[in-house]
Amino acid sequence: MIFYFSGTGNTRWAAEEIAKALGERLLYIPDEIRKGHHSYTLGIDERIGFCFPTHGWQVPRIVRDFIRHLAISQQPQASKPFCWALTTCGDNMGETMTILNRDLVANTALRDNFGEALQAESVFSLVMPESYVCLPFMKTDPEDKEAMKLDVARHQLPHIINTIKERRRGIEELEKGATPRLYSYVIGAYFNKKMVHDRKFTVDTDKCIRCGKCQNVCPVDNIQGTPPAWLHNGRCTSCLACYHYCPVHAINYGKITRKRDQYYFNKRGDRR
């Protein structure tokens, strides 16, 4: 059982590859939230996995909210399941996995069901092309760097899959960066408190082709109509899917993205 969230497709690719190799269920967190699903039963010998992008050196808010309400039960007499997690990031992910495990430990329903706190026992990060472009120092990667990151990730993922398949515990393969606590608990804390919102999104109505793609790709149903209107309902998770998938670059986040490029997984060969 793999729970995943993805905005621009990096994490979706990794989660799909892992699910295919393991032969396990793949559950898209926004769809589960839409259906009101938070309770699950593990199959015999099934693992528990979490895949998500790093947002501001922390776990995305939509994932944290989902975990707070998550309940998982298992077959009678079954042993504690193997739990793992993978995060994708542009360069590094700070203390993201520490934050994930704190959220899992805080979930009393999981503790009651398994007899002890659930934690991701093996954790991985996968460096992928950069997609957050709303700060002065953050841009998409040049094409050569983007291709290099994707090539490295494609070679790294089989090793991660084998580690999960063999249920190897205590594995930590993470790109934390030089000052992970500063990234996650100072910069990341400010970012996730103050900058995760939809208030700065705009659309150039003269460029918009009314395709509706931004509404379709929004994982939190925060966009309506063509040209798009953001609902300002507090659900925005700043994944930037609306910005990156717009085929004519009509969507921007304030002024800063007007001269920035766009990225989504496999963009060069797939204009979905």
Protein backbone atom coordinates (compact mmCIF):
# COMPACT_ATOMS: atom_id res chain seq x y z
CA MET A 1 0.00 0.00 0.00
CA ILE A 2 1.63 3.19 -1.20
CA PHE A 3 0.19 6.63 -0.47
CA TYR A 4 1.52 9.37 -2.72
CA PHE A 5 1.15 13.01 -3.61
CA SER A 6 2.61 14.74 -6.66
CA GLY A 7 2.22 18.17 -8.21
CA THR A 8 4.41 18.25 -11.30
CA GLY A 9 4.86 14.51 -11.75
CA ASN A 10 8.29 13.73 -10.29
CA THR A 11 6.89 11.84 -7.32
CA ARG A 12 4.13 10.24 -9.38
CA TRP A 13 6.74 8.66 -11.64
CA ALA A 14 8.73 7.28 -8.69
CA ALA A 15 5.62 6.00 -6.90
CA GLU A 16 4.28 4.30 -10.03
CA GLU A 17 7.60 2.58 -10.70
CA ILE A 18 7.81 1.33 -7.11
CA ALA A 19 4.18 0.13 -7.06
CA LYS A 20 4.66 -1.72 -10.35
CA ALA A 21 7.82 -3.44 -9.10
CA LEU A 22 6.29 -4.42 -5.76
CA GLY A 23 2.84 -5.30 -7.08
CA GLU A 24 1.19 -3.21 -4.38
CA ARG A 25 -1.70 -0.75 -4.29
CA LEU A 26 -1.00 2.85 -5.25
CA LEU A 27 -3.28 5.45 -3.67
CA TYR A 28 -3.23 9.11 -4.71
CA ILE A 29 -3.75 11.17 -1.57
CA PRO A 30 -5.88 13.95 -3.16
CA ASP A 31 -8.25 11.33 -4.61
CA GLU A 32 -8.50 9.60 -1.23
CA ILE A 33 -9.34 12.93 0.41
CA ARG A 34 -11.99 13.65 -2.25
CA LYS A 35 -13.61 10.29 -1.52
CA GLY A 36 -13.41 10.83 2.24
CA HIS A 37 -11.17 7.79 2.66
CA HIS A 38 -8.83 7.65 5.64
CA SER A 39 -9.25 4.06 6.87
CA TYR A 40 -7.52 1.09 5.23
CA THR A 41 -6.82 -2.57 5.84
CA LEU A 42 -3.48 -4.06 4.90
CA GLY A 43 -3.34 -7.14 2.76
CA ILE A 44 -1.34 -10.13 3.96
CA ASP A 45 2.36 -9.23 4.02
CA GLU A 46 1.66 -5.81 2.48
CA ARG A 47 4.05 -2.94 3.13
CA ILE A 48 3.19 0.70 3.92
CA GLY A 49 4.87 3.39 1.84
CA PHE A 50 4.68 7.16 1.56
CA CYS A 51 5.89 9.12 -1.50
CA PHE A 52 5.75 12.90 -1.70
CA PRO A 53 7.75 15.94 -2.82
CA THR A 54 9.60 18.10 -0.32
CA HIS A 55 7.87 21.47 0.03
CA GLY A 56 9.98 24.13 1.71
CA TRP A 57 12.15 21.46 3.37
CA GLN A 58 9.07 19.94 4.99
CA VAL A 59 6.34 17.42 4.25
CA PRO A 60 3.61 19.06 2.10
CA ARG A 61 0.65 20.28 4.11
CA ILE A 62 -1.81 18.06 2.22
CA VAL A 63 0.23 14.99 3.18
CA ARG A 64 0.57 16.02 6.82
CA ASP A 65 -3.19 16.63 7.08
CA PHE A 66 -3.90 13.22 5.53
CA ILE A 67 -1.55 11.44 7.95
CA ARG A 68 -3.21 13.08 10.96
CA HIS A 69 -6.47 11.32 10.06
CA LEU A 70 -4.98 8.09 8.70
CA ALA A 71 -6.10 4.76 10.17
CA ILE A 72 -4.62 1.44 9.01
CA SER A 73 -5.57 -1.98 10.38
CA GLN A 74 -4.12 -5.37 9.58
CA GLN A 75 -5.04 -9.04 9.67
CA PRO A 76 -5.27 -10.71 13.11
CA GLN A 77 -1.96 -12.12 14.35
CA ALA A 78 -0.02 -10.27 11.65
CA SER A 79 3.35 -8.84 12.60
CA LYS A 80 4.08 -5.13 12.43
CA PRO A 81 4.31 -4.14 8.74
CA PHE A 82 7.39 -2.74 7.07
CA CYS A 83 7.02 1.00 6.54
CA TRP A 84 9.14 3.15 4.25
CA ALA A 85 9.08 6.64 2.72
CA LEU A 86 10.55 8.44 -0.28
CA THR A 87 10.65 12.16 -0.97
CA THR A 88 11.64 13.93 -4.16
CA CYS A 89 13.50 17.23 -3.95
CA GLY A 90 15.26 19.72 -6.19
CA ASP A 91 18.56 19.68 -4.31
CA ASN A 92 18.09 18.66 -0.67
CA MET A 93 15.31 17.92 1.78
CA GLY A 94 16.57 18.93 5.21
CA GLU A 95 14.78 17.20 8.09
CA THR A 96 11.70 16.31 6.06
CA MET A 97 11.75 12.64 7.07
CA THR A 98 12.14 13.50 10.75
CA ILE A 99 9.00 15.62 10.42
CA LEU A 100 7.18 12.77 8.66
CA ASN A 101 8.01 10.32 11.43
CA ARG A 102 6.94 12.76 14.12
CA ASP A 103 3.57 13.06 12.41
CA LEU A 104 3.26 9.26 12.20
CA VAL A 105 4.18 8.84 15.87
CA ALA A 106 1.60 11.47 16.84
CA ASN A 107 -1.19 9.46 15.18
CA THR A 108 -2.70 7.52 18.07
CA ALA A 109 -5.01 5.47 15.81
CA LEU A 110 -1.97 3.96 14.10
CA ARG A 111 -0.32 3.28 17.45
CA ASP A 112 -3.45 1.59 18.77
CA ASN A 113 -3.83 -0.59 15.66
CA PHE A 114 -0.22 -1.78 15.60
CA GLY A 115 0.46 -1.85 19.33
CA GLU A 116 3.28 0.67 18.93
CA ALA A 117 3.98 3.84 17.00
CA LEU A 118 4.30 3.51 13.24
CA GLN A 119 7.40 5.06 11.67
CA ALA A 120 9.10 4.92 8.29
CA GLU A 121 11.93 2.51 9.07
CA SER A 122 13.82 3.12 5.84
CA VAL A 123 13.81 6.51 4.13
CA PHE A 124 15.05 7.80 0.79
CA SER A 125 15.34 11.04 -1.14
CA LEU A 126 15.44 11.27 -4.90
CA VAL A 127 16.88 14.44 -6.42
CA MET A 128 14.72 15.47 -9.37
CA PRO A 129 14.40 18.58 -11.57
CA GLU A 130 13.50 21.76 -9.73
CA SER A 131 9.93 23.00 -10.00
CA TYR A 132 9.55 25.67 -7.29
CA VAL A 133 10.17 29.05 -8.91
CA CYS A 134 8.50 31.58 -6.62
CA LEU A 135 11.56 32.88 -4.79
CA PRO A 136 14.32 35.06 -6.26
CA PHE A 137 17.01 32.38 -5.98
CA MET A 138 14.91 29.44 -7.19
CA LYS A 139 14.51 28.60 -10.87
CA THR A 140 13.92 25.57 -13.03
CA ASP A 141 17.05 23.67 -13.99
CA PRO A 142 18.71 24.20 -17.38
CA GLU A 143 17.89 21.40 -19.82
CA ASP A 144 21.27 19.69 -19.39
CA LYS A 145 20.98 19.66 -15.59
CA GLU A 146 17.37 18.50 -15.82
CA ALA A 147 18.40 15.59 -18.06
CA MET A 148 21.29 14.71 -15.74
CA LYS A 149 19.04 14.62 -12.66
CA LEU A 150 16.50 12.41 -14.42
CA ASP A 151 19.22 10.03 -15.61
CA VAL A 152 20.68 9.71 -12.11
CA ALA A 153 17.21 9.16 -10.62
CA ARG A 154 16.41 6.42 -13.15
CA HIS A 155 19.61 4.60 -12.17
CA GLN A 156 19.04 5.15 -8.44
CA LEU A 157 15.43 3.97 -8.27
CA PRO A 158 16.06 0.21 -8.88
CA HIS A 159 18.34 0.14 -5.83
CA ILE A 160 15.62 1.83 -3.74
CA ILE A 161 13.05 -0.66 -5.04
CA ASN A 162 15.25 -3.62 -4.11
CA THR A 163 15.83 -2.22 -0.63
CA ILE A 164 12.07 -1.88 -0.09
CA LYS A 165 11.37 -5.29 -1.63
CA GLU A 166 13.84 -6.91 0.78
CA ARG A 167 12.32 -4.96 3.73
CA ARG A 168 15.70 -3.75 4.85
CA ARG A 169 15.19 -1.68 8.00
CA GLY A 170 17.29 1.19 9.23
CA ILE A 171 18.28 2.48 5.79
CA GLU A 172 18.67 6.26 5.49
CA GLU A 173 19.68 7.53 2.07
CA LEU A 174 18.91 11.23 2.22
CA GLU A 175 20.23 14.46 0.71
CA LYS A 176 19.78 16.59 3.82
CA GLY A 177 21.98 19.51 2.78
CA ALA A 178 24.62 21.37 4.78
CA THR A 179 22.31 22.79 7.49
CA PRO A 180 19.18 20.60 7.54
CA ARG A 181 17.74 21.95 10.79
CA LEU A 182 18.03 25.52 9.55
CA TYR A 183 16.40 24.56 6.27
CA SER A 184 13.44 22.75 7.81
CA TYR A 185 12.81 24.40 11.16
CA VAL A 186 13.63 28.04 10.38
CA ILE A 187 13.40 28.74 6.64
CA GLY A 188 10.96 25.89 5.98
CA ALA A 189 8.79 26.77 8.96
CA TYR A 190 8.43 30.35 7.72
CA PHE A 191 7.82 29.21 4.15
CA ASN A 192 5.09 26.72 5.04
CA LYS A 193 3.37 29.14 7.41
CA LYS A 194 3.50 32.30 5.31
CA MET A 195 4.00 31.35 1.66
CA VAL A 196 1.71 28.37 1.03
CA HIS A 197 -1.31 30.13 -0.42
CA ASP A 198 -2.98 31.05 -3.71
CA ARG A 199 -3.22 34.81 -3.24
CA LYS A 200 -0.50 35.73 -5.76
CA PHE A 201 -1.67 33.56 -8.65
CA THR A 202 -2.86 35.53 -11.67
CA VAL A 203 -3.85 34.73 -15.24
CA ASP A 204 -3.20 36.78 -18.36
CA THR A 205 -6.66 36.56 -19.87
CA ASP A 206 -5.44 37.69 -23.27
CA LYS A 207 -3.05 34.70 -23.40
CA CYS A 208 -5.34 32.10 -21.78
CA ILE A 209 -6.73 29.64 -24.35
CA ARG A 210 -9.53 28.38 -22.04
CA CYS A 211 -8.25 24.78 -22.15
CA GLY A 212 -9.13 24.07 -18.51
CA LYS A 213 -5.87 22.22 -17.90
CA CYS A 214 -5.04 24.21 -14.76
CA GLN A 215 -8.37 23.26 -13.20
CA ASN A 216 -7.91 19.61 -14.15
CA VAL A 217 -4.40 19.28 -12.70
CA CYS A 218 -5.06 21.12 -9.42
CA PRO A 219 -4.83 18.38 -6.77
CA VAL A 220 -6.93 20.28 -4.23
CA ASP A 221 -9.77 21.50 -6.49
CA ASN A 222 -8.83 25.10 -5.83
CA ILE A 223 -9.45 26.41 -9.37
CA GLN A 224 -12.71 26.99 -11.20
CA GLY A 225 -13.61 28.17 -14.66
CA THR A 226 -11.80 29.45 -17.73
CA PRO A 227 -10.03 31.76 -17.42
CA PRO A 228 -9.16 30.23 -14.06
CA ALA A 229 -10.23 31.72 -10.75
CA TRP A 230 -8.52 30.60 -7.54
CA LEU A 231 -10.96 29.97 -4.74
CA HIS A 232 -8.84 31.25 -1.82
CA ASN A 233 -10.27 28.49 0.34
CA GLY A 234 -7.07 27.65 2.24
CA ARG A 235 -6.52 24.36 0.43
CA CYS A 236 -3.72 25.49 -1.91
CA THR A 237 -0.57 23.47 -1.26
CA SER A 238 1.71 25.53 -3.56
CA CYS A 239 2.58 22.60 -5.81
CA LEU A 240 2.53 24.99 -8.83
CA ALA A 241 0.88 22.39 -11.09
CA CYS A 242 -1.40 25.11 -12.50
CA TYR A 243 1.60 27.26 -13.40
CA HIS A 244 3.79 24.54 -14.87
CA TYR A 245 1.15 22.70 -16.92
CA CYS A 246 -0.28 25.83 -18.57
CA PRO A 247 0.55 25.33 -22.27
CA VAL A 248 0.84 29.07 -23.00
CA HIS A 249 2.43 30.33 -19.74
CA ALA A 250 -0.65 32.44 -19.01
CA ILE A 251 -0.52 31.73 -15.27
CA ASN A 252 1.96 33.46 -12.97
CA TYR A 253 2.70 33.79 -9.29
CA GLY A 254 3.06 37.53 -8.83
CA LYS A 255 5.68 39.07 -11.11
CA ILE A 256 8.55 36.75 -10.24
CA THR A 257 7.54 33.87 -12.54
CA ARG A 258 6.97 35.93 -15.67
CA LYS A 259 10.53 35.32 -16.84
CA ARG A 260 10.81 31.84 -15.35
CA ASP A 261 10.59 28.58 -17.25
CA GLN A 262 8.13 25.74 -16.66
CA TYR A 263 8.74 22.10 -15.79
CA TYR A 264 6.74 18.95 -15.33
CA PHE A 265 7.91 15.35 -15.55
CA ASN A 266 8.60 14.27 -19.13
CA LYS A 267 7.69 17.71 -20.46
CA ARG A 268 10.16 17.44 -23.34
CA GLY A 269 8.42 14.42 -24.79
CA ASP A 270 4.87 14.78 -23.47
CA ARG A 271 2.70 17.90 -23.69
CA ARG A 272 -0.13 16.53 -21.56
